[in-house]
Every structure is written in structure tokens, then in C-alpha cells.
Amino acid sequence: MHIRSDCPSCGAQHTITERLDITREEIHMPNGQIAEMHINGIPVMSCSSCKFEWYDDRGEDLIQGAIDSFFQHMRHTNDPDLKEMMGSNNEIH
């Protein structure tokens, strides 16, 4: 999809290309381990002038929603390995 918008990097008012992508997010757990998430269908914007890529508000909201769901699951899990990742006090920020 092509839309008209200003690039947040170069400010150009060129056609911005939108594509759906998979993003990889690292979540730092309270016990020091790192959990990795792959989130599908995130809209990525790309400037036709400088090639800068970014997530717009929709993408940021989808990523944050996936992370929130992950933490909600972690709070209610009975899996001892997942509970251990959360730390002794189940303190998820």
C-alpha cells in the first residue's frame, strides 16, 4: 500500500510504502533471562526518499498488545519453568 506522509527521519513528503512484517522483540525478565517474541502482521512504513523504516501508531499498539498478552499469560501460568523466568516475586514490570 502507498500513502502520502512525512518521513520522521528526513521529513520528505514522498510516497510512503507500507508492508506487513514480522518483528522480533526481546523482553528482559526479572530473573535476568531474555524472552524472545516474534509478532506477525506488524505494519512497517518505509520512506521512498531515504529508505528509513518505522512503525506507526498501529504497529506500536500491536507490539505493545502482544507484550501485554505475554505478561498476562506469565502472571497466570502454572508452568514452573515460566514461573522461574518471572523471578521469585513474580515481579513483571
C-alpha atoms as a PDB file:
ATOM      1  CA  MET A   1       0.000   0.000   0.000  1.00  0.00           C
ATOM      2  CA  HIS A   2       1.235   3.514  -0.791  1.00  0.00           C
ATOM      3  CA  ILE A   3       0.216   6.520   1.268  1.00  0.00           C
ATOM      4  CA  ARG A   4       1.250  10.160   1.424  1.00  0.00           C
ATOM      5  CA  SER A   5       3.013  11.131   4.629  1.00  0.00           C
ATOM      6  CA  ASP A   6       6.051  12.909   6.030  1.00  0.00           C
ATOM      7  CA  CYS A   7       9.088  10.790   6.849  1.00  0.00           C
ATOM      8  CA  PRO A   8      10.102  11.110  10.540  1.00  0.00           C
ATOM      9  CA  SER A   9      13.765  10.775   9.542  1.00  0.00           C
ATOM     10  CA  CYS A  10      14.273  13.077   6.563  1.00  0.00           C
ATOM     11  CA  GLY A  11      10.962  14.974   6.563  1.00  0.00           C
ATOM     12  CA  ALA A  12      10.418  14.254   2.886  1.00  0.00           C
ATOM     13  CA  GLN A  13       6.846  14.334   1.670  1.00  0.00           C
ATOM     14  CA  HIS A  14       7.193  11.349  -0.585  1.00  0.00           C
ATOM     15  CA  THR A  15       5.112   8.282  -1.014  1.00  0.00           C
ATOM     16  CA  ILE A  16       5.483   6.011   1.974  1.00  0.00           C
ATOM     17  CA  THR A  17       5.213   2.293   1.354  1.00  0.00           C
ATOM     18  CA  GLU A  18       3.510   0.115   3.936  1.00  0.00           C
ATOM     19  CA  ARG A  19       4.136  -3.608   4.226  1.00  0.00           C
ATOM     20  CA  LEU A  20       3.299  -6.222   6.824  1.00  0.00           C
ATOM     21  CA  ASP A  21       6.247  -7.812   8.554  1.00  0.00           C
ATOM     22  CA  ILE A  22       7.303  -9.976  11.457  1.00  0.00           C
ATOM     23  CA  THR A  23       9.073  -8.210  14.285  1.00  0.00           C
ATOM     24  CA  ARG A  24      11.327  -9.757  16.908  1.00  0.00           C
ATOM     25  CA  GLU A  25      11.096  -8.291  20.391  1.00  0.00           C
ATOM     26  CA  GLU A  26      13.369  -9.097  23.327  1.00  0.00           C
ATOM     27  CA  ILE A  27      11.779  -8.970  26.766  1.00  0.00           C
ATOM     28  CA  HIS A  28      14.110  -8.711  29.742  1.00  0.00           C
ATOM     29  CA  MET A  29      12.673 -10.835  32.520  1.00  0.00           C
ATOM     30  CA  PRO A  30      13.098 -10.017  36.239  1.00  0.00           C
ATOM     31  CA  ASN A  31      15.376 -13.038  36.755  1.00  0.00           C
ATOM     32  CA  GLY A  32      17.824 -11.759  34.112  1.00  0.00           C
ATOM     33  CA  GLN A  33      16.770 -14.086  31.291  1.00  0.00           C
ATOM     34  CA  ILE A  34      15.642 -12.738  27.950  1.00  0.00           C
ATOM     35  CA  ALA A  35      12.419 -13.950  26.341  1.00  0.00           C
ATOM     36  CA  GLU A  36      12.097 -13.537  22.596  1.00  0.00           C
ATOM     37  CA  MET A  37       8.803 -12.897  20.807  1.00  0.00           C
ATOM     38  CA  HIS A  38       8.039 -12.954  17.104  1.00  0.00           C
ATOM     39  CA  ILE A  39       4.967 -10.891  16.261  1.00  0.00           C
ATOM     40  CA  ASN A  40       3.326 -11.306  12.825  1.00  0.00           C
ATOM     41  CA  GLY A  41       1.438  -8.748  10.773  1.00  0.00           C
ATOM     42  CA  ILE A  42       3.041  -5.540  12.005  1.00  0.00           C
ATOM     43  CA  PRO A  43       2.698  -2.657   9.512  1.00  0.00           C
ATOM     44  CA  VAL A  44       6.114  -1.238   8.642  1.00  0.00           C
ATOM     45  CA  MET A  45       6.355   2.145   6.942  1.00  0.00           C
ATOM     46  CA  SER A  46       9.215   2.898   4.521  1.00  0.00           C
ATOM     47  CA  CYS A  47      10.274   6.262   3.052  1.00  0.00           C
ATOM     48  CA  SER A  48      10.830   6.187  -0.707  1.00  0.00           C
ATOM     49  CA  SER A  49      13.368   9.017  -0.355  1.00  0.00           C
ATOM     50  CA  CYS A  50      15.778   7.936   2.412  1.00  0.00           C
ATOM     51  CA  LYS A  51      14.638   4.293   2.871  1.00  0.00           C
ATOM     52  CA  PHE A  52      14.090   4.829   6.642  1.00  0.00           C
ATOM     53  CA  GLU A  53      11.667   2.284   8.120  1.00  0.00           C
ATOM     54  CA  TRP A  54       9.479   2.720  11.190  1.00  0.00           C
ATOM     55  CA  TYR A  55       6.329   1.531  12.952  1.00  0.00           C
ATOM     56  CA  ASP A  56       3.414   3.924  13.021  1.00  0.00           C
ATOM     57  CA  ASP A  57       0.922   4.089  15.917  1.00  0.00           C
ATOM     58  CA  ARG A  58      -0.873   0.960  14.690  1.00  0.00           C
ATOM     59  CA  GLY A  59       2.347  -1.049  14.717  1.00  0.00           C
ATOM     60  CA  GLU A  60       3.375   0.247  18.134  1.00  0.00           C
ATOM     61  CA  ASP A  61      -0.079  -0.634  19.509  1.00  0.00           C
ATOM     62  CA  LEU A  62       0.068  -4.165  18.084  1.00  0.00           C
ATOM     63  CA  ILE A  63       3.537  -4.764  19.530  1.00  0.00           C
ATOM     64  CA  GLN A  64       2.551  -3.411  22.952  1.00  0.00           C
ATOM     65  CA  GLY A  65      -0.636  -5.510  22.917  1.00  0.00           C
ATOM     66  CA  ALA A  66       1.345  -8.676  22.200  1.00  0.00           C
ATOM     67  CA  ILE A  67       3.799  -7.903  25.013  1.00  0.00           C
ATOM     68  CA  ASP A  68       0.931  -7.170  27.431  1.00  0.00           C
ATOM     69  CA  SER A  69      -0.717 -10.508  26.499  1.00  0.00           C
ATOM     70  CA  PHE A  70       2.583 -12.290  27.087  1.00  0.00           C
ATOM     71  CA  PHE A  71       2.888 -10.795  30.586  1.00  0.00           C
ATOM     72  CA  GLN A  72      -0.757 -11.580  31.353  1.00  0.00           C
ATOM     73  CA  HIS A  73      -0.094 -15.212  30.457  1.00  0.00           C
ATOM     74  CA  MET A  74       3.073 -15.236  32.556  1.00  0.00           C
ATOM     75  CA  ARG A  75       1.195 -13.925  35.614  1.00  0.00           C
ATOM     76  CA  HIS A  76      -1.307 -16.798  35.469  1.00  0.00           C
ATOM     77  CA  THR A  77       0.868 -19.700  34.396  1.00  0.00           C
ATOM     78  CA  ASN A  78       1.376 -22.856  36.408  1.00  0.00           C
ATOM     79  CA  ASP A  79       4.413 -23.862  34.361  1.00  0.00           C
ATOM     80  CA  PRO A  80       7.370 -23.984  36.791  1.00  0.00           C
ATOM     81  CA  ASP A  81       9.894 -23.010  34.092  1.00  0.00           C
ATOM     82  CA  LEU A  82       7.908 -19.910  33.167  1.00  0.00           C
ATOM     83  CA  LYS A  83       7.383 -19.007  36.833  1.00  0.00           C
ATOM     84  CA  GLU A  84      11.152 -19.253  37.327  1.00  0.00           C
ATOM     85  CA  MET A  85      11.668 -16.783  34.446  1.00  0.00           C
ATOM     86  CA  MET A  86       9.421 -14.304  36.244  1.00  0.00           C
ATOM     87  CA  GLY A  87      11.586 -14.314  39.336  1.00  0.00           C
ATOM     88  CA  SER A  88      10.818 -15.218  42.897  1.00  0.00           C
ATOM     89  CA  ASN A  89       8.226 -12.484  43.452  1.00  0.00           C
ATOM     90  CA  ASN A  90       6.522 -12.705  40.053  1.00  0.00           C
ATOM     91  CA  GLU A  91       7.522  -9.094  39.536  1.00  0.00           C
ATOM     92  CA  ILE A  92       6.744  -8.174  35.980  1.00  0.00           C
ATOM     93  CA  HIS A  93       7.043  -4.540  35.051  1.00  0.00           C
END
